[in-house]
Amino acid sequence: MQGYGTDKDFLDFLNRVQKPKTTSMNLGVAWETFVYDLTQGMSALDARKHVLSLPFWEEGRMDDSLFKRRMALCNGEWDIPAKQASQIVAGGLYQQKITRKIKLPELADCTLVGVADFIANKAVYDTKFCGGYDVGHYSKSIQHLVYMYLTGYLDFGYLVFSDGRKGEDKGELFLEDYQWTKESEINLISKLSEMVQWIMDSPFKDAFLKNWSLK
């Protein structure tokens, strides 16, 4: 399935196989942690020290890309975008698990489950880290539809930190936001149904039914 690599990668995902995080995933965790620390009243310096203490910086091989990103963090290049993001989500909830039933033609009983990075000011926010950002990058993602449905809130924003490693002059925060409309639930059900139908007609069916029921 698109977004999960090879068939084996997707099967491992369905079987909940634990794998080491990729560098991109770890950088995403670092960015989210920095934003959260600032919402908790940490100074940028202390938040920076905390993020630099995350173990992935020392694990494996420090390639040139990761080294430059570590230096950018050390030099305070993340500070302004992180402060901007923290102001948007200040006073909100962090890492909230949410569940809600949804009716799909393919399944007799379906419950969506998600963990929202931040919920603040009647909106849901998800942090993203990338090396270069194009406007509307997440427009085809199902994520914003799922989380607006889960929470019942009408606004969702991706807090995207593009750190300037793909041509920008400097790191910058982008807010890519979406609103719930009267067509949103129809679009969500359509996308979920298409995904479920594809899985049910594929060799991945057994792994899906075995491992993705709500416990």
Protein backbone atom coordinates (compact mmCIF):
# COMPACT_ATOMS: atom_id res chain seq x y z
CA MET A 1 0.00 0.00 0.00
CA GLN A 2 1.20 3.51 -0.86
CA GLY A 3 3.11 5.12 1.99
CA TYR A 4 4.23 1.84 3.59
CA GLY A 5 7.04 0.78 1.26
CA THR A 6 7.14 -2.84 0.12
CA ASP A 7 4.47 -5.50 0.67
CA LYS A 8 6.60 -6.86 3.50
CA ASP A 9 6.77 -3.42 5.11
CA PHE A 10 2.98 -3.14 4.98
CA LEU A 11 2.52 -6.66 6.37
CA ASP A 12 4.93 -5.85 9.21
CA PHE A 13 2.87 -2.72 9.91
CA LEU A 14 -0.37 -4.74 10.06
CA ASN A 15 1.34 -7.29 12.32
CA ARG A 16 2.53 -4.47 14.59
CA VAL A 17 6.17 -5.47 14.18
CA GLN A 18 8.33 -3.09 16.19
CA LYS A 19 11.12 -1.58 14.10
CA PRO A 20 13.77 1.06 14.81
CA LYS A 21 12.63 4.57 13.94
CA THR A 22 14.05 6.10 10.78
CA THR A 23 16.04 9.34 10.90
CA SER A 24 13.00 11.20 9.54
CA MET A 25 10.81 9.79 12.32
CA ASN A 26 13.36 10.71 14.98
CA LEU A 27 13.64 14.26 13.68
CA GLY A 28 9.86 14.49 13.82
CA VAL A 29 9.94 13.39 17.47
CA ALA A 30 12.66 15.95 18.18
CA TRP A 31 10.59 18.77 16.64
CA GLU A 32 7.42 17.74 18.50
CA THR A 33 9.35 17.49 21.77
CA PHE A 34 10.84 20.95 21.32
CA VAL A 35 7.41 22.48 20.73
CA TYR A 36 5.90 20.66 23.71
CA ASP A 37 8.75 21.68 26.05
CA LEU A 38 8.17 25.33 25.18
CA THR A 39 4.45 24.99 25.96
CA GLN A 40 5.47 23.74 29.41
CA GLY A 41 7.38 26.93 30.17
CA MET A 42 10.91 25.76 29.34
CA SER A 43 13.28 28.33 27.94
CA ALA A 44 14.45 27.75 24.38
CA LEU A 45 17.92 26.93 25.74
CA ASP A 46 16.62 24.29 28.16
CA ALA A 47 14.29 22.83 25.53
CA ARG A 48 17.21 22.66 23.12
CA LYS A 49 19.32 20.81 25.70
CA HIS A 50 16.49 18.37 26.33
CA VAL A 51 16.02 17.64 22.63
CA LEU A 52 19.76 17.20 22.18
CA SER A 53 19.70 14.61 24.98
CA LEU A 54 17.35 12.34 23.01
CA PRO A 55 19.24 9.07 22.42
CA PHE A 56 18.83 8.87 18.64
CA TRP A 57 21.46 11.58 18.08
CA GLU A 58 24.08 9.17 19.39
CA GLU A 59 22.69 5.94 17.93
CA GLY A 60 24.02 4.54 14.66
CA ARG A 61 26.02 6.54 12.15
CA MET A 62 25.95 10.34 12.30
CA ASP A 63 25.77 11.11 8.58
CA ASP A 64 26.33 14.57 7.12
CA SER A 65 22.62 15.44 6.99
CA LEU A 66 21.98 14.52 10.62
CA PHE A 67 25.17 16.28 11.74
CA LYS A 68 24.09 19.52 10.03
CA ARG A 69 20.66 19.31 11.63
CA ARG A 70 22.19 18.78 15.05
CA MET A 71 24.39 21.83 14.51
CA ALA A 72 21.38 23.88 13.38
CA LEU A 73 19.55 22.90 16.58
CA CYS A 74 22.61 23.72 18.69
CA ASN A 75 22.89 27.12 17.00
CA GLY A 76 19.28 28.00 17.80
CA GLU A 77 17.93 27.75 14.26
CA TRP A 78 14.90 25.81 15.49
CA ASP A 79 14.05 28.34 18.21
CA ILE A 80 11.86 30.84 16.37
CA PRO A 81 9.73 28.29 14.45
CA ALA A 82 9.28 26.23 17.64
CA LYS A 83 8.23 29.32 19.62
CA GLN A 84 5.72 30.20 16.91
CA ALA A 85 4.28 26.68 16.97
CA SER A 86 4.17 26.58 20.78
CA GLN A 87 2.17 29.81 20.85
CA ILE A 88 -0.45 28.24 18.60
CA VAL A 89 -0.96 25.18 20.83
CA ALA A 90 -0.24 26.78 24.23
CA GLY A 91 -2.64 25.69 26.96
CA GLY A 92 -3.91 22.74 24.96
CA LEU A 93 -3.88 18.98 25.42
CA TYR A 94 -0.94 16.84 24.34
CA GLN A 95 -0.83 13.28 23.01
CA GLN A 96 -4.54 12.65 23.50
CA LYS A 97 -5.90 9.22 22.59
CA ILE A 98 -9.32 9.42 20.97
CA THR A 99 -11.77 6.79 19.71
CA ARG A 100 -15.03 7.09 17.79
CA LYS A 101 -17.30 4.68 15.94
CA ILE A 102 -17.82 5.07 12.22
CA LYS A 103 -20.11 3.16 9.86
CA LEU A 104 -18.41 1.53 6.89
CA PRO A 105 -20.18 -0.77 4.41
CA GLU A 106 -17.30 -3.28 4.52
CA LEU A 107 -17.21 -3.76 8.31
CA ALA A 108 -20.03 -4.53 10.72
CA ASP A 109 -18.28 -2.69 13.51
CA CYS A 110 -15.56 -0.09 13.02
CA THR A 111 -13.87 2.16 15.57
CA LEU A 112 -11.32 4.75 14.60
CA VAL A 113 -8.47 5.23 17.07
CA GLY A 114 -5.94 8.04 17.04
CA VAL A 115 -3.49 9.99 19.19
CA ALA A 116 -3.56 13.73 18.57
CA ASP A 117 -0.29 15.61 19.00
CA PHE A 118 -2.04 18.74 20.24
CA ILE A 119 -5.63 19.87 20.76
CA ALA A 120 -5.97 23.59 21.42
CA ASN A 121 -8.54 26.33 20.85
CA LYS A 122 -11.08 23.85 19.44
CA ALA A 123 -8.65 22.66 16.78
CA VAL A 124 -6.37 19.65 16.29
CA TYR A 125 -2.70 20.09 15.40
CA ASP A 126 -0.10 17.64 14.15
CA THR A 127 3.61 18.41 14.07
CA LYS A 128 5.61 17.57 10.95
CA PHE A 129 9.34 17.85 10.16
CA CYS A 130 10.66 18.03 6.61
CA GLY A 131 13.66 19.17 4.63
CA GLY A 132 11.59 21.13 2.11
CA TYR A 133 7.95 22.10 2.01
CA ASP A 134 5.48 22.71 -0.82
CA VAL A 135 2.11 24.36 -0.16
CA GLY A 136 -0.68 21.80 0.11
CA HIS A 137 1.72 18.94 0.70
CA TYR A 138 -0.76 17.09 2.94
CA SER A 139 -3.89 17.80 0.90
CA LYS A 140 -4.26 14.14 -0.15
CA SER A 141 -3.68 12.80 3.35
CA ILE A 142 -6.59 11.22 5.21
CA GLN A 143 -5.13 12.30 8.56
CA HIS A 144 -6.89 15.65 8.92
CA LEU A 145 -10.27 14.14 8.04
CA VAL A 146 -9.79 11.34 10.58
CA TYR A 147 -8.83 13.65 13.43
CA MET A 148 -11.55 16.19 12.81
CA TYR A 149 -14.04 13.32 12.80
CA LEU A 150 -12.54 11.80 15.96
CA THR A 151 -12.67 15.04 17.95
CA GLY A 152 -15.71 16.69 16.43
CA TYR A 153 -13.68 19.86 15.91
CA LEU A 154 -13.96 21.68 12.60
CA ASP A 155 -10.34 22.80 12.22
CA PHE A 156 -7.08 20.91 11.78
CA GLY A 157 -3.58 22.25 11.26
CA TYR A 158 -0.27 20.69 10.28
CA LEU A 159 2.56 22.54 12.07
CA VAL A 160 5.29 21.90 9.52
CA PHE A 161 8.90 22.76 10.30
CA SER A 162 10.92 22.89 7.10
CA ASP A 163 14.52 23.16 8.21
CA GLY A 164 15.92 24.52 4.96
CA ARG A 165 17.93 21.48 3.90
CA LYS A 166 16.35 21.39 0.44
CA GLY A 167 16.96 24.90 -0.80
CA GLU A 168 15.26 27.32 1.59
CA ASP A 169 17.39 30.08 3.05
CA LYS A 170 16.50 29.10 6.63
CA GLY A 171 14.23 26.97 8.75
CA GLU A 172 10.62 28.10 8.74
CA LEU A 173 7.25 27.15 10.24
CA PHE A 174 4.33 26.54 7.89
CA LEU A 175 0.74 26.13 9.01
CA GLU A 176 -1.24 24.00 6.57
CA ASP A 177 -4.82 24.08 7.79
CA TYR A 178 -8.06 22.36 6.84
CA GLN A 179 -11.71 22.80 7.76
CA TRP A 180 -14.53 20.27 8.12
CA THR A 181 -17.22 20.79 5.48
CA LYS A 182 -20.50 19.07 4.66
CA GLU A 183 -18.61 16.86 2.18
CA SER A 184 -15.90 15.84 4.65
CA GLU A 185 -17.65 12.85 6.21
CA ILE A 186 -18.60 11.50 2.78
CA ASN A 187 -14.98 11.87 1.64
CA LEU A 188 -13.68 10.19 4.80
CA ILE A 189 -16.01 7.20 4.52
CA SER A 190 -15.18 6.86 0.83
CA LYS A 191 -11.42 6.84 1.48
CA LEU A 192 -11.67 4.44 4.41
CA SER A 193 -13.99 2.11 2.49
CA GLU A 194 -11.62 2.05 -0.47
CA MET A 195 -8.70 1.21 1.81
CA VAL A 196 -10.59 -1.50 3.73
CA GLN A 197 -11.96 -3.06 0.55
CA TRP A 198 -8.48 -3.21 -0.94
CA ILE A 199 -7.15 -4.93 2.19
CA MET A 200 -10.07 -7.38 2.37
CA ASP A 201 -9.43 -8.42 -1.23
CA SER A 202 -5.70 -8.82 -0.66
CA PRO A 203 -3.38 -11.32 1.08
CA PHE A 204 -3.21 -8.84 3.98
CA LYS A 205 -6.79 -9.56 5.10
CA ASP A 206 -5.95 -12.04 7.89
CA ALA A 207 -3.29 -9.80 9.46
CA PHE A 208 -5.67 -6.84 9.35
CA LEU A 209 -8.57 -8.70 11.02
CA LYS A 210 -6.27 -10.30 13.59
CA ASN A 211 -4.36 -7.24 14.73
CA TRP A 212 -6.55 -4.21 14.14
CA SER A 213 -9.60 -4.84 16.25
CA LEU A 214 -10.11 -2.56 19.24
CA LYS A 215 -8.92 -4.24 22.44
